[in-house]
Amino acid sequence: MPEGFRRWYDNDPILKEALELLKLQTDDTKTAAADFIISLQEQVAQDVIERIYEITKKFSGKGNRWYDSDPVMLRAIELLRASSPKTQRIAALKLLLAMESNDMESLEQEEHE
């Protein structure tokens, strides 16, 4: 990455690590993570969600980022980006713990509590 260029998630080392590790996971793990992240939409304003859908239509399958080829993951990552820094950090920690323990099902259980 060229010096001075930072991705939106590079400012938070925990969020950065979570997304870098997620990129390397199996499709099943990515699907569970995307479902968890999408559950965050309750914390994001409706106008932001509409903008996210526009971004998804524009970049799905066309971008260079690792998640652009999967429309669900693209939507999930864009929702995460639109979330508050506190929500991003909490989500990143939960994802890291679930990936570390290889227990993505724990994310599904938390969604419904």
C-alpha atoms as a PDB file:
ATOM      1  CA  MET A   1       0.000   0.000   0.000  1.00  0.00           C
ATOM      2  CA  PRO A   2       1.463   3.398  -0.930  1.00  0.00           C
ATOM      3  CA  GLU A   3       2.599   5.502   1.993  1.00  0.00           C
ATOM      4  CA  GLY A   4      -0.050   7.960   3.134  1.00  0.00           C
ATOM      5  CA  PHE A   5      -2.916   5.871   1.732  1.00  0.00           C
ATOM      6  CA  ARG A   6      -5.022   4.298   4.431  1.00  0.00           C
ATOM      7  CA  ARG A   7      -8.121   2.208   4.241  1.00  0.00           C
ATOM      8  CA  TRP A   8     -11.027   3.306   6.423  1.00  0.00           C
ATOM      9  CA  TYR A   9     -10.396   0.473   8.876  1.00  0.00           C
ATOM     10  CA  ASP A  10      -6.624   0.971   9.228  1.00  0.00           C
ATOM     11  CA  ASN A  11      -7.124   3.516  12.024  1.00  0.00           C
ATOM     12  CA  ASP A  12      -8.276   0.843  14.474  1.00  0.00           C
ATOM     13  CA  PRO A  13      -5.775  -2.020  14.870  1.00  0.00           C
ATOM     14  CA  ILE A  14      -8.437  -4.419  16.166  1.00  0.00           C
ATOM     15  CA  LEU A  15     -10.806  -3.684  13.297  1.00  0.00           C
ATOM     16  CA  LYS A  16      -7.922  -3.963  10.831  1.00  0.00           C
ATOM     17  CA  GLU A  17      -6.878  -7.342  12.220  1.00  0.00           C
ATOM     18  CA  ALA A  18     -10.452  -8.641  12.180  1.00  0.00           C
ATOM     19  CA  LEU A  19     -10.963  -7.700   8.525  1.00  0.00           C
ATOM     20  CA  GLU A  20      -7.546  -8.979   7.451  1.00  0.00           C
ATOM     21  CA  LEU A  21      -8.236 -12.330   9.135  1.00  0.00           C
ATOM     22  CA  LEU A  22     -11.769 -12.461   7.769  1.00  0.00           C
ATOM     23  CA  LYS A  23     -10.373 -12.100   4.261  1.00  0.00           C
ATOM     24  CA  LEU A  24      -8.496 -15.399   4.758  1.00  0.00           C
ATOM     25  CA  GLN A  25     -11.420 -17.405   6.167  1.00  0.00           C
ATOM     26  CA  THR A  26     -13.540 -20.087   4.522  1.00  0.00           C
ATOM     27  CA  ASP A  27     -16.724 -19.157   2.695  1.00  0.00           C
ATOM     28  CA  ASP A  28     -18.829 -20.551   5.563  1.00  0.00           C
ATOM     29  CA  THR A  29     -17.012 -18.389   8.081  1.00  0.00           C
ATOM     30  CA  LYS A  30     -17.340 -15.345   5.845  1.00  0.00           C
ATOM     31  CA  THR A  31     -21.070 -15.997   5.470  1.00  0.00           C
ATOM     32  CA  ALA A  32     -21.562 -16.222   9.248  1.00  0.00           C
ATOM     33  CA  ALA A  33     -19.489 -13.066   9.739  1.00  0.00           C
ATOM     34  CA  ALA A  34     -21.471 -11.208   7.074  1.00  0.00           C
ATOM     35  CA  ASP A  35     -24.761 -12.216   8.721  1.00  0.00           C
ATOM     36  CA  PHE A  36     -23.461 -10.951  12.065  1.00  0.00           C
ATOM     37  CA  ILE A  37     -22.263  -7.662  10.612  1.00  0.00           C
ATOM     38  CA  ILE A  38     -25.526  -7.125   8.742  1.00  0.00           C
ATOM     39  CA  SER A  39     -27.346  -7.457  12.061  1.00  0.00           C
ATOM     40  CA  LEU A  40     -25.682  -4.138  12.966  1.00  0.00           C
ATOM     41  CA  GLN A  41     -27.971  -2.294  10.562  1.00  0.00           C
ATOM     42  CA  GLU A  42     -30.355  -1.625  13.460  1.00  0.00           C
ATOM     43  CA  GLN A  43     -27.697   0.814  14.715  1.00  0.00           C
ATOM     44  CA  VAL A  44     -27.292   2.651  11.402  1.00  0.00           C
ATOM     45  CA  ALA A  45     -29.631   5.382  10.144  1.00  0.00           C
ATOM     46  CA  GLN A  46     -31.994   4.539   7.271  1.00  0.00           C
ATOM     47  CA  ASP A  47     -30.491   7.125   4.893  1.00  0.00           C
ATOM     48  CA  VAL A  48     -27.072   5.531   5.421  1.00  0.00           C
ATOM     49  CA  ILE A  49     -28.529   2.091   4.690  1.00  0.00           C
ATOM     50  CA  GLU A  50     -29.991   3.386   1.415  1.00  0.00           C
ATOM     51  CA  ARG A  51     -26.569   4.772   0.455  1.00  0.00           C
ATOM     52  CA  ILE A  52     -25.036   1.381   1.262  1.00  0.00           C
ATOM     53  CA  TYR A  53     -27.460  -0.327  -1.117  1.00  0.00           C
ATOM     54  CA  GLU A  54     -26.434   2.130  -3.833  1.00  0.00           C
ATOM     55  CA  ILE A  55     -22.748   1.357  -3.188  1.00  0.00           C
ATOM     56  CA  THR A  56     -23.519  -2.363  -3.294  1.00  0.00           C
ATOM     57  CA  LYS A  57     -25.194  -2.013  -6.700  1.00  0.00           C
ATOM     58  CA  LYS A  58     -22.310   0.055  -8.009  1.00  0.00           C
ATOM     59  CA  PHE A  59     -19.378  -2.100  -6.854  1.00  0.00           C
ATOM     60  CA  SER A  60     -20.763  -5.630  -6.562  1.00  0.00           C
ATOM     61  CA  GLY A  61     -18.474  -7.859  -8.595  1.00  0.00           C
ATOM     62  CA  LYS A  62     -16.659  -4.868 -10.104  1.00  0.00           C
ATOM     63  CA  GLY A  63     -14.295  -3.560  -7.433  1.00  0.00           C
ATOM     64  CA  ASN A  64     -10.758  -4.503  -6.500  1.00  0.00           C
ATOM     65  CA  ARG A  65     -11.340  -5.092  -2.797  1.00  0.00           C
ATOM     66  CA  TRP A  66     -11.477  -8.683  -1.557  1.00  0.00           C
ATOM     67  CA  TYR A  67     -15.125  -8.343  -0.551  1.00  0.00           C
ATOM     68  CA  ASP A  68     -16.401  -6.688  -3.751  1.00  0.00           C
ATOM     69  CA  SER A  69     -17.039 -10.028  -5.465  1.00  0.00           C
ATOM     70  CA  ASP A  70     -19.564 -11.155  -2.834  1.00  0.00           C
ATOM     71  CA  PRO A  71     -22.664  -8.911  -2.655  1.00  0.00           C
ATOM     72  CA  VAL A  72     -23.563 -10.016   0.888  1.00  0.00           C
ATOM     73  CA  MET A  73     -20.047  -9.432   2.200  1.00  0.00           C
ATOM     74  CA  LEU A  74     -19.881  -6.093   0.369  1.00  0.00           C
ATOM     75  CA  ARG A  75     -23.108  -5.015   2.058  1.00  0.00           C
ATOM     76  CA  ALA A  76     -21.844  -6.230   5.433  1.00  0.00           C
ATOM     77  CA  ILE A  77     -18.515  -4.406   5.188  1.00  0.00           C
ATOM     78  CA  GLU A  78     -20.208  -1.197   4.024  1.00  0.00           C
ATOM     79  CA  LEU A  79     -22.585  -1.420   7.005  1.00  0.00           C
ATOM     80  CA  LEU A  80     -19.617  -1.881   9.293  1.00  0.00           C
ATOM     81  CA  ARG A  81     -17.913   1.133   7.746  1.00  0.00           C
ATOM     82  CA  ALA A  82     -21.052   3.249   8.334  1.00  0.00           C
ATOM     83  CA  SER A  83     -21.274   2.172  11.981  1.00  0.00           C
ATOM     84  CA  SER A  84     -19.887   4.221  14.836  1.00  0.00           C
ATOM     85  CA  PRO A  85     -16.268   3.560  15.870  1.00  0.00           C
ATOM     86  CA  LYS A  86     -17.554   1.974  19.093  1.00  0.00           C
ATOM     87  CA  THR A  87     -19.813  -0.429  17.166  1.00  0.00           C
ATOM     88  CA  GLN A  88     -16.964  -1.211  14.757  1.00  0.00           C
ATOM     89  CA  ARG A  89     -14.659  -2.069  17.641  1.00  0.00           C
ATOM     90  CA  ILE A  90     -17.232  -4.263  19.402  1.00  0.00           C
ATOM     91  CA  ALA A  91     -18.031  -6.092  16.167  1.00  0.00           C
ATOM     92  CA  ALA A  92     -14.326  -6.567  15.417  1.00  0.00           C
ATOM     93  CA  LEU A  93     -13.663  -8.016  18.868  1.00  0.00           C
ATOM     94  CA  LYS A  94     -16.604 -10.419  18.549  1.00  0.00           C
ATOM     95  CA  LEU A  95     -15.432 -11.495  15.098  1.00  0.00           C
ATOM     96  CA  LEU A  96     -11.865 -12.040  16.295  1.00  0.00           C
ATOM     97  CA  LEU A  97     -13.023 -14.127  19.241  1.00  0.00           C
ATOM     98  CA  ALA A  98     -15.335 -16.208  17.061  1.00  0.00           C
ATOM     99  CA  MET A  99     -12.636 -16.791  14.424  1.00  0.00           C
ATOM    100  CA  GLU A 100     -10.033 -17.602  17.071  1.00  0.00           C
ATOM    101  CA  SER A 101     -12.259 -20.200  18.709  1.00  0.00           C
ATOM    102  CA  ASN A 102     -13.551 -21.373  15.316  1.00  0.00           C
ATOM    103  CA  ASP A 103     -17.073 -20.851  16.629  1.00  0.00           C
ATOM    104  CA  MET A 104     -18.978 -18.607  14.267  1.00  0.00           C
ATOM    105  CA  GLU A 105     -22.213 -20.031  15.658  1.00  0.00           C
ATOM    106  CA  SER A 106     -21.623 -17.961  18.804  1.00  0.00           C
ATOM    107  CA  LEU A 107     -22.246 -14.857  16.680  1.00  0.00           C
ATOM    108  CA  GLU A 108     -25.676 -16.181  15.643  1.00  0.00           C
ATOM    109  CA  GLN A 109     -26.601 -16.833  19.262  1.00  0.00           C
ATOM    110  CA  GLU A 110     -25.704 -13.266  20.257  1.00  0.00           C
ATOM    111  CA  GLU A 111     -27.833 -11.807  17.460  1.00  0.00           C
ATOM    112  CA  HIS A 112     -30.995 -13.329  18.892  1.00  0.00           C
ATOM    113  CA  GLU A 113     -30.412 -12.540  22.557  1.00  0.00           C
END
